[in-house]
Amino acid sequence: MTFSICVRERYTDDGGTGQIRYGVAATARLPGVGTLCPFASADGAVATQSFANPDLGRNGVEYLADGLAVDDALRSLLNADDGREKRQVHGVGADDVFAFTGEECRDWSGHVVGENFTVAGNLLTDRDVVEDAAATYESSAHADAPLAGRLIDALAAGHAAGGDRREDLSVQSAALLVTTTETLDISPYYNDLRVDATETPISTLRETYETAMRGYEAVAEKYAVASGDAE
């Protein structure tokens, strides 16, 4: 599988309370990357790829909920995984980050780690893919724009730099997931999106995001009620 980004952002909510938002986004030259790669909760975000083992993501966020640091959680899971050298897994928790690229991942493969984010990929044209995705996210890290849209921008930068090198595979996919420690009246519908099969994954995900945002704003305007009543 191809490349993904996990991020952590601290912010202050309208009541003056400190909160954390987590985001993960991925794209691949195969269908349904959203079923295999991105995982997130109010405790962190994890992406698993290459010969993907979704249990690394599912169990990873469960371990984070139990209070483990993301480094400890993912190292523990990898140590128990006989196929770990074919895996690529990375993520962010409340206080740390983690990235692992197994020695048997196919070239080009590797990762970039920042203070509050990780980017990783395999079967890429070259290292520019993850570096450009990372640089694009870093340039927007303190922007007011919603994280979901900025994650798409990061994927777009990696895609423009070459992305997945398997050009003979035309059916592609993309997905994003944003979570937060904040309790919201209406959960933004544009924070959990998947494009499972398309030949234009980034532009299709962006169009889906923009449409979902319009829908969310219309619902929020029409129903000033709790999300359970508005859905």
Protein backbone atom coordinates (compact mmCIF):
# COMPACT_ATOMS: atom_id res chain seq x y z
CA MET A 1 0.00 0.00 0.00
CA THR A 2 1.03 3.54 -0.51
CA PHE A 3 1.32 6.57 1.78
CA SER A 4 -0.41 8.07 4.79
CA ILE A 5 -0.13 10.80 7.40
CA CYS A 6 -1.01 10.89 11.12
CA VAL A 7 -1.16 14.16 13.08
CA ARG A 8 -1.86 15.55 16.55
CA GLU A 9 -2.97 19.13 17.15
CA ARG A 10 -3.65 20.86 20.46
CA TYR A 11 -6.26 23.60 20.60
CA THR A 12 -8.53 25.46 23.02
CA ASP A 13 -12.28 24.96 22.67
CA ASP A 14 -14.90 27.71 22.94
CA GLY A 15 -15.12 27.15 26.69
CA GLY A 16 -11.40 27.71 27.18
CA THR A 17 -10.56 24.04 27.78
CA GLY A 18 -7.50 22.50 26.17
CA GLN A 19 -8.30 19.75 23.67
CA ILE A 20 -6.49 17.52 21.19
CA ARG A 21 -7.54 16.62 17.67
CA TYR A 22 -6.07 13.64 15.82
CA GLY A 23 -6.11 13.01 12.11
CA VAL A 24 -5.09 10.26 9.72
CA ALA A 25 -5.37 10.14 5.93
CA ALA A 26 -4.20 7.66 3.31
CA THR A 27 -4.27 6.94 -0.40
CA ALA A 28 -3.32 3.86 -2.41
CA ARG A 29 -3.37 2.36 -5.87
CA LEU A 30 -5.89 -0.26 -4.83
CA PRO A 31 -9.53 -0.17 -3.72
CA GLY A 32 -10.67 0.31 -0.14
CA VAL A 33 -7.64 1.75 1.62
CA GLY A 34 -10.04 3.13 4.23
CA THR A 35 -10.89 -0.41 5.38
CA LEU A 36 -7.26 -1.35 6.04
CA CYS A 37 -5.10 1.63 6.90
CA PRO A 38 -6.51 4.55 8.98
CA PHE A 39 -7.56 4.19 12.61
CA ALA A 40 -8.23 6.93 15.16
CA SER A 41 -9.97 7.60 18.45
CA ALA A 42 -10.01 10.30 21.11
CA ASP A 43 -6.66 8.89 22.25
CA GLY A 44 -4.62 8.94 19.04
CA ALA A 45 -4.26 7.99 15.39
CA VAL A 46 -2.56 5.00 13.74
CA ALA A 47 -1.94 3.96 10.12
CA THR A 48 -0.94 0.45 9.07
CA GLN A 49 0.16 -0.40 5.53
CA SER A 50 2.53 -2.36 3.27
CA PHE A 51 1.38 -5.98 3.83
CA ALA A 52 -1.22 -4.36 6.02
CA ASN A 53 -2.26 -5.90 9.31
CA PRO A 54 -5.39 -3.97 10.38
CA ASP A 55 -5.09 -5.43 13.88
CA LEU A 56 -2.09 -3.17 14.40
CA GLY A 57 -4.41 -0.21 13.94
CA ARG A 58 -7.44 -1.53 15.78
CA ASN A 59 -5.47 -2.86 18.73
CA GLY A 60 -3.18 0.13 18.66
CA VAL A 61 -5.94 2.63 19.39
CA GLU A 62 -7.34 0.27 22.03
CA TYR A 63 -3.96 0.20 23.75
CA LEU A 64 -3.88 3.99 23.64
CA ALA A 65 -7.28 4.06 25.35
CA ASP A 66 -5.77 1.86 28.09
CA GLY A 67 -3.18 4.55 28.73
CA LEU A 68 -0.16 3.21 26.84
CA ALA A 69 2.08 5.58 24.93
CA VAL A 70 1.89 5.10 21.17
CA ASP A 71 5.53 4.00 21.05
CA ASP A 72 4.94 1.29 23.66
CA ALA A 73 1.62 0.24 22.14
CA LEU A 74 2.85 -0.21 18.59
CA ARG A 75 6.20 -1.75 19.54
CA SER A 76 4.38 -4.30 21.65
CA LEU A 77 2.06 -5.20 18.78
CA LEU A 78 4.91 -5.42 16.28
CA ASN A 79 6.94 -7.64 18.58
CA ALA A 80 4.05 -10.13 18.56
CA ASP A 81 3.65 -9.95 14.74
CA ASP A 82 5.66 -12.57 12.82
CA GLY A 83 5.23 -10.53 9.62
CA ARG A 84 6.51 -7.28 11.11
CA GLU A 85 9.38 -6.85 8.62
CA LYS A 86 6.78 -6.57 5.85
CA ARG A 87 4.73 -4.04 7.81
CA GLN A 88 4.70 -0.31 7.94
CA VAL A 89 2.95 1.28 10.91
CA HIS A 90 3.04 4.76 12.36
CA GLY A 91 0.97 7.02 14.57
CA VAL A 92 0.58 9.72 17.20
CA GLY A 93 -0.62 9.65 20.79
CA ALA A 94 -1.23 12.40 23.30
CA ASP A 95 2.47 12.93 24.03
CA ASP A 96 4.57 10.99 21.52
CA VAL A 97 4.90 9.74 17.95
CA PHE A 98 6.06 6.45 16.42
CA ALA A 99 7.01 5.17 12.96
CA PHE A 100 8.27 1.80 11.76
CA THR A 101 9.18 0.60 8.26
CA GLY A 102 10.06 -3.09 8.06
CA GLU A 103 13.17 -4.19 6.19
CA GLU A 104 11.08 -6.20 3.71
CA CYS A 105 8.83 -3.32 2.65
CA ARG A 106 9.12 -2.68 -1.07
CA ASP A 107 11.04 0.29 -2.46
CA TRP A 108 10.76 3.10 -2.22
CA SER A 109 9.66 2.82 1.39
CA GLY A 110 10.32 4.94 4.45
CA HIS A 111 8.92 7.54 6.80
CA VAL A 112 9.28 11.09 8.10
CA VAL A 113 8.70 11.95 11.76
CA GLY A 114 7.92 15.43 13.08
CA GLU A 115 7.13 16.73 16.55
CA ASN A 116 3.38 16.23 16.09
CA PHE A 117 3.05 14.10 12.95
CA THR A 118 4.29 11.08 11.04
CA VAL A 119 4.21 10.34 7.31
CA ALA A 120 5.05 6.95 5.81
CA GLY A 121 4.83 5.20 2.48
CA ASN A 122 5.96 2.24 0.42
CA LEU A 123 6.03 1.35 -3.27
CA LEU A 124 6.53 5.07 -3.92
CA THR A 125 8.36 6.81 -6.74
CA ASP A 126 10.90 8.19 -4.23
CA ARG A 127 11.36 9.90 -0.87
CA ASP A 128 9.94 13.19 -2.21
CA VAL A 129 6.44 11.77 -1.77
CA VAL A 130 6.58 11.60 2.02
CA GLU A 131 8.75 14.71 2.36
CA ASP A 132 6.39 16.86 0.28
CA ALA A 133 3.35 15.55 2.15
CA ALA A 134 5.08 16.34 5.46
CA ALA A 135 6.15 19.82 4.35
CA THR A 136 2.66 20.67 3.14
CA TYR A 137 1.13 19.63 6.44
CA GLU A 138 3.76 21.52 8.46
CA SER A 139 3.09 24.70 6.51
CA SER A 140 -0.59 24.55 7.50
CA ALA A 141 -0.28 23.17 11.03
CA HIS A 142 -1.32 26.43 12.67
CA ALA A 143 -3.95 27.42 10.12
CA ASP A 144 -7.61 27.94 11.01
CA ALA A 145 -8.83 25.65 8.23
CA PRO A 146 -10.35 22.31 9.29
CA LEU A 147 -7.82 19.51 9.68
CA ALA A 148 -9.67 17.24 7.26
CA GLY A 149 -9.06 19.64 4.38
CA ARG A 150 -5.43 20.11 5.33
CA LEU A 151 -4.90 16.35 5.38
CA ILE A 152 -6.21 16.20 1.82
CA ASP A 153 -3.73 18.93 0.90
CA ALA A 154 -0.91 16.78 2.32
CA LEU A 155 -2.06 13.76 0.30
CA ALA A 156 -2.30 15.94 -2.81
CA ALA A 157 1.29 17.11 -2.35
CA GLY A 158 2.55 13.54 -2.05
CA HIS A 159 0.49 12.48 -5.04
CA ALA A 160 1.89 15.37 -7.12
CA ALA A 161 5.43 14.35 -6.13
CA GLY A 162 4.87 10.93 -7.71
CA GLY A 163 2.82 8.97 -5.20
CA ASP A 164 2.45 5.22 -5.63
CA ARG A 165 4.75 4.03 -8.43
CA ARG A 166 2.40 1.31 -9.71
CA GLU A 167 1.02 3.32 -12.63
CA ASP A 168 -0.47 0.21 -14.21
CA LEU A 169 -3.06 0.06 -11.40
CA SER A 170 -5.76 2.59 -12.27
CA VAL A 171 -8.34 1.81 -9.56
CA GLN A 172 -7.35 3.79 -6.47
CA SER A 173 -8.76 4.93 -3.13
CA ALA A 174 -8.33 7.51 -0.38
CA ALA A 175 -9.66 8.06 3.12
CA LEU A 176 -9.46 10.41 6.07
CA LEU A 177 -10.48 10.29 9.72
CA VAL A 178 -10.36 13.11 12.27
CA THR A 179 -11.23 12.69 15.96
CA THR A 180 -11.07 14.91 19.01
CA THR A 181 -11.13 14.83 22.80
CA GLU A 182 -13.85 17.48 22.69
CA THR A 183 -17.52 16.55 23.14
CA LEU A 184 -19.44 18.10 20.23
CA ASP A 185 -23.17 18.66 19.84
CA ILE A 186 -22.99 17.61 16.20
CA SER A 187 -20.06 15.56 14.96
CA PRO A 188 -18.72 17.02 11.69
CA TYR A 189 -19.72 14.59 8.96
CA TYR A 190 -16.72 15.62 6.87
CA ASN A 191 -14.30 14.17 9.42
CA ASP A 192 -14.80 10.52 8.42
CA LEU A 193 -14.72 10.01 4.67
CA ARG A 194 -13.75 7.27 2.25
CA VAL A 195 -13.47 7.03 -1.52
CA ASP A 196 -13.20 3.30 -2.07
CA ALA A 197 -12.76 2.96 -5.84
CA THR A 198 -11.90 5.71 -8.30
CA GLU A 199 -9.24 6.67 -10.83
CA THR A 200 -8.92 10.14 -9.25
CA PRO A 201 -8.55 9.50 -5.50
CA ILE A 202 -7.39 12.91 -4.29
CA SER A 203 -9.72 15.09 -6.34
CA THR A 204 -12.63 12.75 -5.60
CA LEU A 205 -11.87 12.81 -1.87
CA ARG A 206 -11.66 16.61 -1.97
CA GLU A 207 -14.99 16.87 -3.79
CA THR A 208 -16.55 14.47 -1.27
CA TYR A 209 -15.11 16.51 1.60
CA GLU A 210 -16.41 19.81 0.23
CA THR A 211 -19.86 18.33 -0.37
CA ALA A 212 -19.92 16.79 3.12
CA MET A 213 -18.90 20.10 4.68
CA ARG A 214 -21.76 21.88 2.92
CA GLY A 215 -24.13 19.19 4.17
CA TYR A 216 -22.84 19.50 7.72
CA GLU A 217 -23.17 23.26 7.70
CA ALA A 218 -26.75 22.98 6.39
CA VAL A 219 -27.67 20.50 9.14
CA ALA A 220 -26.00 22.62 11.83
CA GLU A 221 -27.92 25.68 10.66
CA LYS A 222 -31.27 23.91 10.40
CA TYR A 223 -31.08 21.91 13.64
CA ALA A 224 -29.64 23.60 16.72
CA VAL A 225 -29.91 20.30 18.61
CA ALA A 226 -27.73 17.42 19.77
CA SER A 227 -26.22 15.24 17.06
CA GLY A 228 -28.38 12.27 18.02
CA ASP A 229 -31.49 14.24 17.10
CA ALA A 230 -30.02 15.76 13.95
CA GLU A 231 -28.67 12.64 12.25
